[in-house]
Amino acid sequence: MDDVRLFYRSCRIVCRWSAVLMFKIRHVGTRHVPRKGPALLVSNHQSFMDPPLVGMPLSRECCFMARDSLFRNPLFTWLIVKLNAFPVSRNTADISAIKKSLRLLKQGKIVVLFPEGTRTNNGKIQPMLPGFCGIAKKTKVPIIPTLIDGAFQAWPRNRLLPRPGRIIVEYAPPIRPNQYQNLTAEQMMEQIRNRIIAMQYHWHSRLPQQRLEWYGSCNEQNDIIRS
């Protein structure tokens, strides 16, 4: 198991208790995240809280690809760099961020990506950019589709501060290299996105309080569940 630095561990404890008290957070499927060796966690993006929500229940440190605009404030930059964030320029083929991801994975780290590129406007899983597929194929690491649900309701884009809610983070069984090596980037991206959509639909079907106004009327989600 990787060593966890004191600063990272301390921040993780604070985030855990804050999330439990304010959001009644529930983490499902943490056993699917390898306890050692590299892995790529590919998650949807609902709020500013998403990186700590994904990393806090895991016994290992995670590294987070974060948009470059978050690194403009020196104090905030110091904090997120200490928590293993590194910048990526959105809507471009950021070679520096790609090389950083490859290097971290080759070192046996967990890298967390949010390939929607920006937070959702309505809670739905948005189209994803397939750039992470090349990273996975070059490093031959397991991919863990990861769902965050409820963070949008707690902290939507148009709200200055979060409010109490209920958040679920689910880690799906890993997709192994032999399962994706022969797929195109678009096929890989669609398979992972569909898994995350299916997980979201599952929780919305079980928990009425999680449902957003589009639940039940989205043909895309219904088709995925039936397939």
Protein backbone atom coordinates (compact mmCIF):
# COMPACT_ATOMS: atom_id res chain seq x y z
CA MET A 1 0.00 0.00 0.00
CA ASP A 2 1.27 3.49 -0.76
CA ASP A 3 2.45 5.66 2.12
CA VAL A 4 0.01 8.46 2.87
CA ARG A 5 1.58 11.76 3.90
CA LEU A 6 0.44 13.38 7.15
CA PHE A 7 -0.88 16.52 5.42
CA TYR A 8 -2.89 14.49 2.89
CA ARG A 9 -4.19 12.18 5.63
CA SER A 10 -5.23 15.13 7.82
CA CYS A 11 -7.09 16.86 4.98
CA ARG A 12 -8.79 13.57 4.13
CA ILE A 13 -10.05 13.15 7.70
CA VAL A 14 -11.45 16.70 7.76
CA CYS A 15 -13.16 16.19 4.39
CA ARG A 16 -14.63 12.85 5.47
CA TRP A 17 -16.25 14.20 8.60
CA SER A 18 -17.47 17.35 6.85
CA ALA A 19 -19.02 15.26 4.07
CA VAL A 20 -20.66 12.84 6.52
CA LEU A 21 -22.18 15.64 8.61
CA MET A 22 -23.28 17.92 5.78
CA PHE A 23 -23.99 15.51 2.93
CA LYS A 24 -24.60 12.10 4.56
CA ILE A 25 -22.09 10.84 2.03
CA ARG A 26 -22.07 7.20 1.04
CA HIS A 27 -19.19 5.50 -0.80
CA VAL A 28 -19.96 2.26 -2.66
CA GLY A 29 -17.54 -0.13 -4.36
CA THR A 30 -14.26 1.08 -2.87
CA ARG A 31 -13.10 -2.57 -3.07
CA HIS A 32 -12.91 -2.11 -6.86
CA VAL A 33 -10.07 0.40 -6.53
CA PRO A 34 -6.71 -1.45 -6.46
CA ARG A 35 -4.90 -1.27 -3.13
CA LYS A 36 -1.60 -1.07 -4.97
CA GLY A 37 -0.41 -0.37 -8.49
CA PRO A 38 -1.62 2.20 -11.04
CA ALA A 39 -5.24 2.92 -11.89
CA LEU A 40 -7.21 5.55 -13.75
CA LEU A 41 -10.39 6.79 -12.05
CA VAL A 42 -12.70 8.37 -14.64
CA SER A 43 -15.51 10.34 -13.03
CA ASN A 44 -18.40 12.59 -13.95
CA HIS A 45 -18.18 16.20 -12.78
CA GLN A 46 -20.94 17.77 -10.67
CA SER A 47 -19.33 20.32 -8.35
CA PHE A 48 -16.16 21.92 -6.99
CA MET A 49 -16.17 19.23 -4.28
CA ASP A 50 -15.67 16.33 -6.70
CA PRO A 51 -11.91 15.68 -6.25
CA PRO A 52 -12.06 15.25 -2.44
CA LEU A 53 -15.34 13.33 -2.74
CA VAL A 54 -13.62 10.77 -4.99
CA GLY A 55 -10.37 10.53 -3.04
CA MET A 56 -11.46 10.70 0.60
CA PRO A 57 -12.55 7.05 1.23
CA LEU A 58 -9.50 5.47 -0.38
CA SER A 59 -6.56 4.23 1.65
CA ARG A 60 -4.13 5.54 -0.97
CA GLU A 61 -3.29 9.01 -2.18
CA CYS A 62 -4.80 10.10 -5.47
CA CYS A 63 -3.46 12.53 -8.07
CA PHE A 64 -5.95 14.87 -9.72
CA MET A 65 -5.93 16.46 -13.15
CA ALA A 66 -7.48 19.91 -12.61
CA ARG A 67 -8.24 22.77 -14.97
CA ASP A 68 -5.48 25.35 -15.17
CA SER A 69 -7.68 28.27 -14.05
CA LEU A 70 -7.69 26.82 -10.51
CA PHE A 71 -3.96 27.54 -10.26
CA ARG A 72 -4.22 31.33 -10.52
CA ASN A 73 -4.43 32.06 -6.78
CA PRO A 74 -1.06 31.38 -5.11
CA LEU A 75 -2.53 30.24 -1.77
CA PHE A 76 -5.07 27.92 -3.37
CA THR A 77 -2.38 26.65 -5.76
CA TRP A 78 -0.17 25.75 -2.78
CA LEU A 79 -3.05 23.80 -1.21
CA ILE A 80 -4.12 21.80 -4.24
CA VAL A 81 -0.54 21.04 -5.30
CA LYS A 82 0.03 19.67 -1.79
CA LEU A 83 -3.01 17.46 -2.43
CA ASN A 84 -1.53 16.16 -5.70
CA ALA A 85 -3.41 18.29 -8.24
CA PHE A 86 -1.74 19.21 -11.51
CA PRO A 87 -3.04 21.56 -14.23
CA VAL A 88 -4.52 20.81 -17.62
CA SER A 89 -5.62 23.29 -20.27
CA ARG A 90 -9.19 22.59 -21.29
CA ASN A 91 -10.21 22.09 -24.92
CA THR A 92 -6.61 21.54 -26.00
CA ALA A 93 -4.27 18.57 -26.33
CA ASP A 94 -2.23 19.53 -23.27
CA ILE A 95 0.98 17.55 -23.80
CA SER A 96 2.38 18.58 -20.43
CA ALA A 97 -0.68 17.24 -18.56
CA ILE A 98 -0.64 14.04 -20.62
CA LYS A 99 3.06 13.45 -19.87
CA LYS A 100 2.45 14.12 -16.18
CA SER A 101 -0.39 11.56 -16.14
CA LEU A 102 1.76 8.97 -17.90
CA ARG A 103 4.61 9.54 -15.46
CA LEU A 104 2.36 9.20 -12.40
CA LEU A 105 0.76 6.01 -13.67
CA LYS A 106 4.14 4.49 -14.50
CA GLN A 107 5.10 5.25 -10.89
CA GLY A 108 2.14 3.16 -9.73
CA LYS A 109 -0.12 6.05 -8.72
CA ILE A 110 -3.88 6.53 -8.96
CA VAL A 111 -4.86 9.37 -11.33
CA VAL A 112 -8.36 10.90 -11.19
CA LEU A 113 -9.78 12.54 -14.33
CA PHE A 114 -13.03 14.39 -15.07
CA PRO A 115 -13.29 14.07 -18.87
CA GLU A 116 -16.52 16.06 -19.19
CA GLY A 117 -14.13 19.01 -18.84
CA THR A 118 -16.54 21.17 -16.84
CA ARG A 119 -19.28 20.84 -14.24
CA THR A 120 -22.69 19.71 -15.41
CA ASN A 121 -25.45 22.29 -15.83
CA ASN A 122 -28.31 19.96 -14.87
CA GLY A 123 -26.90 16.87 -13.15
CA LYS A 124 -26.81 14.72 -16.30
CA ILE A 125 -23.67 12.95 -17.45
CA GLN A 126 -22.38 15.17 -20.24
CA PRO A 127 -20.42 14.08 -23.36
CA MET A 128 -16.82 13.23 -22.50
CA LEU A 129 -13.55 14.05 -24.19
CA PRO A 130 -11.73 10.85 -25.20
CA GLY A 131 -8.20 12.07 -24.42
CA PHE A 132 -7.89 9.83 -21.36
CA CYS A 133 -8.21 6.76 -23.59
CA GLY A 134 -4.76 7.31 -25.09
CA ILE A 135 -3.29 7.62 -21.59
CA ALA A 136 -4.88 4.31 -20.56
CA LYS A 137 -3.72 2.49 -23.69
CA LYS A 138 -0.13 3.67 -23.32
CA THR A 139 0.11 2.66 -19.67
CA LYS A 140 -2.19 -0.42 -19.80
CA VAL A 141 -3.82 0.37 -16.45
CA PRO A 142 -7.27 -0.58 -15.14
CA ILE A 143 -9.94 2.07 -15.60
CA ILE A 144 -12.46 2.58 -12.78
CA PRO A 145 -15.66 4.34 -13.95
CA THR A 146 -16.71 6.50 -11.00
CA LEU A 147 -20.07 8.14 -10.30
CA ILE A 148 -20.69 11.22 -8.19
CA ASP A 149 -24.39 11.86 -7.60
CA GLY A 150 -26.08 14.41 -5.37
CA ALA A 151 -23.22 16.92 -5.45
CA PHE A 152 -25.05 18.85 -8.17
CA GLN A 153 -28.11 19.18 -5.95
CA ALA A 154 -25.91 20.30 -3.04
CA TRP A 155 -23.73 22.73 -4.98
CA PRO A 156 -24.93 23.57 -8.51
CA ARG A 157 -22.97 25.95 -10.70
CA ASN A 158 -25.28 28.88 -10.01
CA ARG A 159 -24.90 28.67 -6.22
CA LEU A 160 -22.13 30.47 -4.32
CA LEU A 161 -21.89 27.99 -1.43
CA PRO A 162 -22.99 24.38 -0.91
CA ARG A 163 -26.10 23.38 1.04
CA PRO A 164 -26.84 20.17 2.96
CA GLY A 165 -27.79 17.19 0.82
CA ARG A 166 -27.15 13.53 0.17
CA ILE A 167 -24.17 12.48 -1.94
CA ILE A 168 -23.28 9.05 -3.30
CA VAL A 169 -19.92 8.12 -4.83
CA GLU A 170 -19.76 4.72 -6.53
CA TYR A 171 -16.72 2.97 -8.01
CA ALA A 172 -17.56 0.44 -10.72
CA PRO A 173 -15.61 -2.79 -11.31
CA PRO A 174 -12.42 -2.02 -13.24
CA ILE A 175 -12.19 -2.24 -17.00
CA ARG A 176 -8.97 -4.18 -17.65
CA PRO A 177 -6.52 -3.43 -20.47
CA ASN A 178 -7.46 -6.62 -22.33
CA GLN A 179 -11.07 -5.36 -22.38
CA TYR A 180 -10.28 -2.05 -24.05
CA GLN A 181 -7.06 -2.47 -26.06
CA ASN A 182 -8.93 -3.28 -29.28
CA LEU A 183 -11.49 -0.50 -28.88
CA THR A 184 -11.24 2.92 -30.50
CA ALA A 185 -11.01 5.96 -28.24
CA GLU A 186 -14.63 6.80 -29.04
CA GLN A 187 -15.78 3.27 -28.18
CA MET A 188 -13.86 3.33 -24.89
CA MET A 189 -15.24 6.73 -23.96
CA GLU A 190 -18.81 5.70 -24.76
CA GLN A 191 -18.52 2.45 -22.80
CA ILE A 192 -17.26 4.25 -19.70
CA ARG A 193 -19.81 7.05 -20.01
CA ASN A 194 -22.62 4.50 -20.35
CA ARG A 195 -21.49 2.71 -17.20
CA ILE A 196 -21.58 5.94 -15.23
CA ILE A 197 -25.01 6.83 -16.64
CA ALA A 198 -26.30 3.38 -15.67
CA MET A 199 -25.03 3.84 -12.10
CA GLN A 200 -26.69 7.24 -11.85
CA TYR A 201 -29.97 5.88 -13.18
CA HIS A 202 -29.77 3.03 -10.62
CA TRP A 203 -29.50 5.44 -7.69
CA HIS A 204 -32.22 7.71 -9.02
CA SER A 205 -34.54 4.71 -9.38
CA ARG A 206 -33.86 3.61 -5.79
CA LEU A 207 -33.84 7.01 -4.08
CA PRO A 208 -36.65 9.35 -5.12
CA GLN A 209 -35.01 12.21 -3.24
CA GLN A 210 -32.04 11.99 -5.63
CA ARG A 211 -34.15 12.47 -8.75
CA LEU A 212 -33.80 15.52 -10.93
CA GLU A 213 -36.49 16.88 -13.21
CA TRP A 214 -35.17 15.03 -16.26
CA TYR A 215 -35.30 11.59 -14.58
CA GLY A 216 -37.53 9.14 -16.45
CA SER A 217 -37.75 11.29 -19.57
CA CYS A 218 -34.21 10.79 -20.87
CA ASN A 219 -34.31 8.35 -23.79
CA GLU A 220 -30.52 8.00 -23.72
CA GLN A 221 -30.54 6.68 -20.16
CA ASN A 222 -33.51 4.38 -20.75
CA ASP A 223 -31.76 2.88 -23.79
CA ILE A 224 -28.61 2.26 -21.79
CA ILE A 225 -30.46 0.53 -18.96
CA ARG A 226 -32.30 -1.75 -21.41
CA SER A 227 -29.11 -2.67 -23.33
